[in-house]
Amino acid sequence: MEAIVIGIIVALIVAFIAVRMMIAQMRPVAEKHEASHYTKDEDVHITVRDDVYLRTDVSRRKIERKQGN
C-alpha cells in the first residue's frame, strides 16, 4: 500500500513539472475578434461571402401534468 502512495506522489510531481514546462513555453496573446487576425492574406482565398442555412433540429415532448390536485 505504501508503494502505491509513493508511486502516485512521484507521478503527480512528474506531471506537475511537465505541465509547468509546457506553460512556460506558451506565449500570451490578446484575444482577436476577427478572422483576418488569424490568417495571412496569401493563405486563404475566399470567393463567396454567403452563409448557408442548413437545418433546424426541433425536439418536442409532452409535458405531463398530474391528474387532480
N, C-alpha and C. Protein backbone atom coordinates (compact mmCIF):
# COMPACT_ATOMS: atom_id res chain seq x y z
N MET A 1 0.82 -1.19 0.00
CA MET A 1 0.00 0.00 0.00
C MET A 1 0.87 1.26 0.00
N GLU A 2 1.95 1.21 0.75
CA GLU A 2 2.86 2.35 0.84
C GLU A 2 3.52 2.62 -0.51
N ALA A 3 3.83 1.56 -1.25
CA ALA A 3 4.47 1.71 -2.56
C ALA A 3 3.53 2.40 -3.55
N ILE A 4 2.23 2.11 -3.45
CA ILE A 4 1.25 2.75 -4.33
C ILE A 4 1.16 4.24 -4.05
N VAL A 5 1.14 4.61 -2.79
CA VAL A 5 1.07 6.02 -2.40
C VAL A 5 2.31 6.76 -2.88
N ILE A 6 3.47 6.16 -2.70
CA ILE A 6 4.72 6.78 -3.16
C ILE A 6 4.71 6.92 -4.67
N GLY A 7 4.22 5.90 -5.38
CA GLY A 7 4.14 5.94 -6.84
C GLY A 7 3.22 7.05 -7.32
N ILE A 8 2.08 7.20 -6.66
CA ILE A 8 1.15 8.26 -7.03
C ILE A 8 1.76 9.63 -6.79
N ILE A 9 2.44 9.80 -5.68
CA ILE A 9 3.07 11.09 -5.37
C ILE A 9 4.15 11.41 -6.40
N VAL A 10 4.97 10.44 -6.75
CA VAL A 10 6.02 10.66 -7.76
C VAL A 10 5.40 11.00 -9.10
N ALA A 11 4.33 10.29 -9.49
CA ALA A 11 3.66 10.56 -10.76
C ALA A 11 3.09 11.97 -10.78
N LEU A 12 2.49 12.42 -9.68
CA LEU A 12 1.94 13.77 -9.61
C LEU A 12 3.04 14.83 -9.72
N ILE A 13 4.18 14.58 -9.09
CA ILE A 13 5.30 15.52 -9.18
C ILE A 13 5.82 15.61 -10.60
N VAL A 14 5.98 14.46 -11.26
CA VAL A 14 6.46 14.46 -12.66
C VAL A 14 5.45 15.17 -13.56
N ALA A 15 4.16 14.90 -13.37
CA ALA A 15 3.13 15.56 -14.18
C ALA A 15 3.13 17.06 -13.94
N PHE A 16 3.28 17.48 -12.69
CA PHE A 16 3.32 18.91 -12.38
C PHE A 16 4.49 19.58 -13.07
N ILE A 17 5.66 18.95 -13.05
CA ILE A 17 6.83 19.53 -13.71
C ILE A 17 6.61 19.61 -15.22
N ALA A 18 6.03 18.58 -15.82
CA ALA A 18 5.78 18.59 -17.27
C ALA A 18 4.80 19.69 -17.65
N VAL A 19 3.74 19.85 -16.87
CA VAL A 19 2.75 20.89 -17.17
C VAL A 19 3.36 22.27 -16.99
N ARG A 20 4.15 22.47 -15.96
CA ARG A 20 4.79 23.78 -15.75
C ARG A 20 5.73 24.11 -16.90
N MET A 21 6.43 23.11 -17.45
CA MET A 21 7.32 23.35 -18.59
C MET A 21 6.51 23.75 -19.82
N MET A 22 5.35 23.11 -20.04
CA MET A 22 4.50 23.48 -21.17
C MET A 22 3.94 24.89 -21.01
N ILE A 23 3.55 25.23 -19.80
CA ILE A 23 3.02 26.57 -19.55
C ILE A 23 4.10 27.63 -19.77
N ALA A 24 5.33 27.33 -19.39
CA ALA A 24 6.42 28.29 -19.56
C ALA A 24 6.70 28.55 -21.03
N GLN A 25 6.41 27.60 -21.91
CA GLN A 25 6.67 27.77 -23.33
C GLN A 25 5.56 28.54 -24.06
N MET A 26 4.42 28.71 -23.41
CA MET A 26 3.31 29.41 -24.04
C MET A 26 3.57 30.91 -24.07
N ARG A 27 3.09 31.55 -25.15
CA ARG A 27 3.22 32.99 -25.26
C ARG A 27 1.85 33.63 -25.05
N PRO A 28 1.75 34.65 -24.23
CA PRO A 28 0.46 35.31 -24.04
C PRO A 28 0.08 36.11 -25.29
N VAL A 29 -1.18 36.06 -25.65
CA VAL A 29 -1.67 36.81 -26.80
C VAL A 29 -2.97 37.49 -26.42
N ALA A 30 -3.26 38.57 -27.11
CA ALA A 30 -4.52 39.27 -26.88
C ALA A 30 -5.61 38.61 -27.72
N GLU A 31 -6.83 38.59 -27.22
CA GLU A 31 -7.93 37.98 -27.94
C GLU A 31 -8.26 38.80 -29.17
N LYS A 32 -8.48 38.12 -30.29
CA LYS A 32 -8.84 38.78 -31.54
C LYS A 32 -10.30 38.46 -31.84
N HIS A 33 -10.99 39.41 -32.46
CA HIS A 33 -12.41 39.23 -32.73
C HIS A 33 -12.72 39.03 -34.20
N GLU A 34 -11.75 39.11 -35.06
CA GLU A 34 -11.99 38.94 -36.49
C GLU A 34 -11.08 37.85 -37.03
N ALA A 35 -11.58 37.11 -38.01
CA ALA A 35 -10.81 36.01 -38.58
C ALA A 35 -9.56 36.51 -39.29
N SER A 36 -9.57 37.74 -39.77
CA SER A 36 -8.41 38.27 -40.50
C SER A 36 -7.17 38.37 -39.62
N HIS A 37 -7.35 38.39 -38.32
CA HIS A 37 -6.21 38.44 -37.41
C HIS A 37 -5.50 37.10 -37.30
N TYR A 38 -6.19 36.02 -37.65
CA TYR A 38 -5.63 34.68 -37.50
C TYR A 38 -5.08 34.10 -38.80
N THR A 39 -5.37 34.71 -39.92
CA THR A 39 -4.92 34.18 -41.20
C THR A 39 -4.04 35.19 -41.92
N LYS A 40 -3.22 34.68 -42.81
CA LYS A 40 -2.42 35.55 -43.67
C LYS A 40 -3.15 35.68 -45.00
N ASP A 41 -2.99 36.81 -45.66
CA ASP A 41 -3.70 37.06 -46.91
C ASP A 41 -3.39 36.01 -47.97
N GLU A 42 -2.16 35.52 -48.02
CA GLU A 42 -1.80 34.56 -49.05
C GLU A 42 -2.24 33.13 -48.72
N ASP A 43 -2.70 32.89 -47.50
CA ASP A 43 -3.10 31.54 -47.10
C ASP A 43 -4.54 31.22 -47.46
N VAL A 44 -5.43 32.20 -47.43
CA VAL A 44 -6.85 31.94 -47.62
C VAL A 44 -7.37 32.78 -48.77
N HIS A 45 -8.12 32.11 -49.66
CA HIS A 45 -8.73 32.81 -50.79
C HIS A 45 -10.23 32.56 -50.75
N ILE A 46 -10.98 33.54 -50.27
CA ILE A 46 -12.43 33.42 -50.14
C ILE A 46 -13.07 34.07 -51.35
N THR A 47 -13.89 33.31 -52.07
CA THR A 47 -14.53 33.85 -53.27
C THR A 47 -16.01 34.10 -53.06
N VAL A 48 -16.65 33.39 -52.13
CA VAL A 48 -18.09 33.55 -51.88
C VAL A 48 -18.27 34.01 -50.44
N ARG A 49 -19.11 35.01 -50.26
CA ARG A 49 -19.34 35.53 -48.92
C ARG A 49 -20.81 35.37 -48.53
N ASP A 50 -21.30 34.13 -48.59
CA ASP A 50 -22.68 33.83 -48.22
C ASP A 50 -22.70 32.78 -47.13
N ASP A 51 -23.64 32.91 -46.22
CA ASP A 51 -23.88 31.88 -45.22
C ASP A 51 -25.00 30.98 -45.73
N VAL A 52 -24.84 29.69 -45.54
CA VAL A 52 -25.85 28.74 -45.98
C VAL A 52 -26.51 28.15 -44.74
N TYR A 53 -27.84 28.34 -44.63
CA TYR A 53 -28.60 27.81 -43.51
C TYR A 53 -28.95 26.36 -43.85
N LEU A 54 -28.47 25.43 -43.05
CA LEU A 54 -28.63 24.02 -43.38
C LEU A 54 -29.89 23.39 -42.81
N ARG A 55 -30.09 23.47 -41.51
CA ARG A 55 -31.22 22.76 -40.92
C ARG A 55 -31.52 23.31 -39.52
N THR A 56 -32.70 22.94 -39.06
CA THR A 56 -33.10 23.24 -37.69
C THR A 56 -33.54 21.93 -37.05
N ASP A 57 -33.02 21.63 -35.90
CA ASP A 57 -33.44 20.45 -35.15
C ASP A 57 -34.41 20.90 -34.07
N VAL A 58 -35.61 20.35 -34.10
CA VAL A 58 -36.63 20.68 -33.11
C VAL A 58 -37.00 19.40 -32.38
N SER A 59 -36.91 19.43 -31.09
CA SER A 59 -37.35 18.27 -30.31
C SER A 59 -38.50 18.72 -29.43
N ARG A 60 -39.54 17.88 -29.41
CA ARG A 60 -40.73 18.21 -28.62
C ARG A 60 -41.07 17.03 -27.74
N ARG A 61 -41.57 17.35 -26.56
CA ARG A 61 -42.07 16.30 -25.69
C ARG A 61 -43.26 16.85 -24.92
N LYS A 62 -44.17 15.97 -24.66
CA LYS A 62 -45.39 16.37 -23.97
C LYS A 62 -45.09 16.57 -22.49
N ILE A 63 -45.58 17.67 -21.95
CA ILE A 63 -45.42 17.94 -20.52
C ILE A 63 -46.58 17.27 -19.81
N GLU A 64 -46.24 16.31 -19.02
CA GLU A 64 -47.28 15.55 -18.30
C GLU A 64 -47.66 16.29 -17.03
N ARG A 65 -48.95 16.35 -16.80
CA ARG A 65 -49.46 17.01 -15.60
C ARG A 65 -50.17 15.96 -14.74
N LYS A 66 -50.10 16.18 -13.44
CA LYS A 66 -50.75 15.25 -12.51
C LYS A 66 -52.27 15.41 -12.60
N GLN A 67 -52.97 14.31 -12.53
CA GLN A 67 -54.43 14.33 -12.54
C GLN A 67 -54.93 14.71 -11.14
N GLY A 68 -55.89 15.60 -11.05
CA GLY A 68 -56.46 16.02 -9.77
C GLY A 68 -55.60 17.11 -9.11
N ASN A 69 -55.61 17.15 -7.79
CA ASN A 69 -54.87 18.18 -7.05
C ASN A 69 -53.52 17.71 -6.79
